[in-house]
C-alpha atoms as a PDB file:
ATOM      1  CA  MET A   1     -28.919   3.143 -13.315  1.00  0.00           C
ATOM      2  CA  ALA A   2     -28.246   6.806 -13.890  1.00  0.00           C
ATOM      3  CA  ILE A   3     -30.311   9.100 -11.723  1.00  0.00           C
ATOM      4  CA  ASN A   4     -32.367  11.157 -14.159  1.00  0.00           C
ATOM      5  CA  VAL A   5     -35.941  12.230 -14.781  1.00  0.00           C
ATOM      6  CA  GLN A   6     -36.591   9.604 -17.471  1.00  0.00           C
ATOM      7  CA  ASN A   7     -35.677   6.770 -15.101  1.00  0.00           C
ATOM      8  CA  PHE A   8     -37.798   8.317 -12.353  1.00  0.00           C
ATOM      9  CA  ILE A   9     -40.765   8.413 -14.728  1.00  0.00           C
ATOM     10  CA  LYS A  10     -40.202   4.749 -15.607  1.00  0.00           C
ATOM     11  CA  LEU A  11     -40.144   3.805 -11.921  1.00  0.00           C
ATOM     12  CA  ALA A  12     -43.242   5.887 -11.204  1.00  0.00           C
ATOM     13  CA  ASN A  13     -45.076   4.269 -14.122  1.00  0.00           C
ATOM     14  CA  PHE A  14     -44.038   0.821 -12.869  1.00  0.00           C
ATOM     15  CA  TYR A  15     -45.468   1.592  -9.427  1.00  0.00           C
ATOM     16  CA  ASN A  16     -48.705   2.851 -10.967  1.00  0.00           C
ATOM     17  CA  GLN A  17     -49.008  -0.369 -13.009  1.00  0.00           C
ATOM     18  CA  VAL A  18     -48.390  -2.468  -9.886  1.00  0.00           C
ATOM     19  CA  ALA A  19     -51.149  -0.571  -8.078  1.00  0.00           C
ATOM     20  CA  LYS A  20     -53.567  -1.118 -10.988  1.00  0.00           C
ATOM     21  CA  VAL A  21     -52.828  -4.839 -11.144  1.00  0.00           C
ATOM     22  CA  MET A  22     -53.244  -5.173  -7.360  1.00  0.00           C
ATOM     23  CA  SER A  23     -56.626  -3.470  -7.571  1.00  0.00           C
ATOM     24  CA  ALA A  24     -57.696  -5.765 -10.399  1.00  0.00           C
ATOM     25  CA  ILE A  25     -56.595  -8.847  -8.454  1.00  0.00           C
ATOM     26  CA  CYS A  26     -58.525  -7.734  -5.378  1.00  0.00           C
ATOM     27  CA  VAL A  27     -61.673  -7.212  -7.441  1.00  0.00           C
ATOM     28  CA  ASN A  28     -61.169 -10.525  -9.240  1.00  0.00           C
ATOM     29  CA  LYS A  29     -60.859 -12.419  -5.966  1.00  0.00           C
ATOM     30  CA  GLY A  30     -64.269 -11.335  -4.787  1.00  0.00           C
ATOM     31  CA  GLY A  31     -63.637  -7.754  -3.745  1.00  0.00           C
ATOM     32  CA  ILE A  32     -61.127  -8.350  -0.973  1.00  0.00           C
ATOM     33  CA  PRO A  33     -59.922  -5.138   0.647  1.00  0.00           C
ATOM     34  CA  ILE A  34     -56.514  -3.995  -0.579  1.00  0.00           C
ATOM     35  CA  GLU A  35     -55.452  -3.884   3.098  1.00  0.00           C
ATOM     36  CA  ASN A  36     -55.809  -7.685   3.200  1.00  0.00           C
ATOM     37  CA  TYR A  37     -53.921  -8.373  -0.032  1.00  0.00           C
ATOM     38  CA  VAL A  38     -50.491  -9.939   0.484  1.00  0.00           C
ATOM     39  CA  GLY A  39     -48.984  -7.908  -2.401  1.00  0.00           C
ATOM     40  CA  ARG A  40     -49.409  -4.700  -0.424  1.00  0.00           C
ATOM     41  CA  PHE A  41     -45.971  -5.266   1.124  1.00  0.00           C
ATOM     42  CA  PHE A  42     -44.309  -5.424  -2.290  1.00  0.00           C
ATOM     43  CA  ALA A  43     -46.181  -2.313  -3.412  1.00  0.00           C
ATOM     44  CA  ALA A  44     -45.032  -0.454  -0.287  1.00  0.00           C
ATOM     45  CA  ASP A  45     -41.426  -1.457  -1.011  1.00  0.00           C
ATOM     46  CA  VAL A  46     -41.723  -0.277  -4.622  1.00  0.00           C
ATOM     47  CA  LEU A  47     -43.225   3.009  -3.485  1.00  0.00           C
ATOM     48  CA  GLU A  48     -40.418   3.454  -0.964  1.00  0.00           C
ATOM     49  CA  PHE A  49     -37.869   2.919  -3.742  1.00  0.00           C
ATOM     50  CA  VAL A  50     -39.641   5.446  -5.989  1.00  0.00           C
ATOM     51  CA  VAL A  51     -39.643   8.028  -3.180  1.00  0.00           C
ATOM     52  CA  GLU A  52     -35.960   7.474  -2.366  1.00  0.00           C
ATOM     53  CA  TYR A  53     -35.049   7.730  -6.048  1.00  0.00           C
ATOM     54  CA  GLY A  54     -37.052  10.957  -6.348  1.00  0.00           C
ATOM     55  CA  GLU A  55     -35.321  12.437  -3.310  1.00  0.00           C
ATOM     56  CA  ARG A  56     -31.892  11.593  -4.763  1.00  0.00           C
ATOM     57  CA  LEU A  57     -32.985  13.145  -8.054  1.00  0.00           C
ATOM     58  CA  MET A  58     -34.022  16.365  -6.298  1.00  0.00           C
ATOM     59  CA  LYS A  59     -30.768  16.429  -4.337  1.00  0.00           C
ATOM     60  CA  GLU A  60     -28.578  15.986  -7.424  1.00  0.00           C
ATOM     61  CA  ASN A  61     -30.564  18.219  -9.766  1.00  0.00           C
ATOM     62  CA  LYS A  62     -31.479  21.577  -8.225  1.00  0.00           C
ATOM     63  CA  LYS A  63     -33.209  22.805 -11.420  1.00  0.00           C
ATOM     64  CA  LEU A  64     -35.947  20.197 -11.677  1.00  0.00           C
ATOM     65  CA  ASP A  65     -39.200  21.131 -13.335  1.00  0.00           C
ATOM     66  CA  SER A  66     -41.896  21.973 -10.790  1.00  0.00           C
ATOM     67  CA  ASP A  67     -44.147  19.236 -12.203  1.00  0.00           C
ATOM     68  CA  VAL A  68     -41.528  16.577 -11.415  1.00  0.00           C
ATOM     69  CA  VAL A  69     -41.057  17.954  -7.905  1.00  0.00           C
ATOM     70  CA  SER A  70     -44.821  17.884  -7.300  1.00  0.00           C
ATOM     71  CA  VAL A  71     -44.997  14.242  -8.434  1.00  0.00           C
ATOM     72  CA  ILE A  72     -42.151  13.341  -6.063  1.00  0.00           C
ATOM     73  CA  GLU A  73     -43.960  15.123  -3.239  1.00  0.00           C
ATOM     74  CA  ARG A  74     -47.205  13.300  -4.071  1.00  0.00           C
ATOM     75  CA  PHE A  75     -45.439   9.927  -3.906  1.00  0.00           C
ATOM     76  CA  ARG A  76     -43.771  10.950  -0.629  1.00  0.00           C
ATOM     77  CA  ALA A  77     -47.149  11.836   0.897  1.00  0.00           C
ATOM     78  CA  GLN A  78     -48.618   8.562  -0.355  1.00  0.00           C
ATOM     79  CA  PHE A  79     -45.717   6.616   1.149  1.00  0.00           C
ATOM     80  CA  GLU A  80     -46.319   8.183   4.566  1.00  0.00           C
ATOM     81  CA  HIS A  81     -49.650   6.306   4.678  1.00  0.00           C
ATOM     82  CA  VAL A  82     -48.021   2.911   4.024  1.00  0.00           C
ATOM     83  CA  ARG A  83     -44.621   3.380   5.648  1.00  0.00           C
ATOM     84  CA  ASP A  84     -45.332   0.694   8.235  1.00  0.00           C
ATOM     85  CA  LEU A  85     -45.878  -1.895   5.460  1.00  0.00           C
ATOM     86  CA  ALA A  86     -42.424  -1.451   3.929  1.00  0.00           C
ATOM     87  CA  THR A  87     -39.888  -4.144   4.639  1.00  0.00           C
ATOM     88  CA  PRO A  88     -37.653  -3.126   7.525  1.00  0.00           C
ATOM     89  CA  SER A  89     -34.192  -2.241   6.281  1.00  0.00           C
ATOM     90  CA  GLN A  90     -31.513  -4.727   7.295  1.00  0.00           C
ATOM     91  CA  LYS A  91     -33.349  -5.731  10.441  1.00  0.00           C
ATOM     92  CA  PRO A  92     -32.796  -9.416  11.189  1.00  0.00           C
ATOM     93  CA  ILE A  93     -35.771 -11.474  12.311  1.00  0.00           C
ATOM     94  CA  TYR A  94     -34.237 -12.098  15.729  1.00  0.00           C
ATOM     95  CA  GLU A  95     -34.216  -8.328  16.395  1.00  0.00           C
ATOM     96  CA  MET A  96     -37.879  -7.833  15.457  1.00  0.00           C
ATOM     97  CA  THR A  97     -40.585  -7.466  18.036  1.00  0.00           C
ATOM     98  CA  LEU A  98     -43.414  -9.974  17.878  1.00  0.00           C
ATOM     99  CA  GLU A  99     -45.676  -7.297  16.385  1.00  0.00           C
ATOM    100  CA  GLU A 100     -43.140  -6.470  13.633  1.00  0.00           C
ATOM    101  CA  PHE A 101     -42.655 -10.177  12.862  1.00  0.00           C
ATOM    102  CA  GLU A 102     -46.391 -10.798  12.641  1.00  0.00           C
ATOM    103  CA  LYS A 103     -46.799  -7.830  10.323  1.00  0.00           C
ATOM    104  CA  VAL A 104     -43.979  -9.001   8.043  1.00  0.00           C
ATOM    105  CA  MET A 105     -45.319 -12.558   7.993  1.00  0.00           C
ATOM    106  CA  ASN A 106     -48.916 -11.338   7.534  1.00  0.00           C
ATOM    107  CA  ILE A 107     -50.154 -13.252  10.573  1.00  0.00           C
END
């Protein structure tokens, strides 16, 4: 996948659609809080990917439109709130603390 603004917009739109569907599911299941929905881990991973892609885009393209940069910054700020829900990178289960394992397994 070439790193360009069009692909970033597609990824950002995908994340926004995931968030909308998650909200609809939570409402449909009796108004469960989004914090208790199992899909929140997937959404955090998608958001992390969007943020990393945006950072690579900014690094490779110094003349980005200010609107694109502000969207990347908004996603970065949003990710800071859910960073602890993202799947740990390349961390085997046997190296996880009990707390990390319970969080990953939603126990």
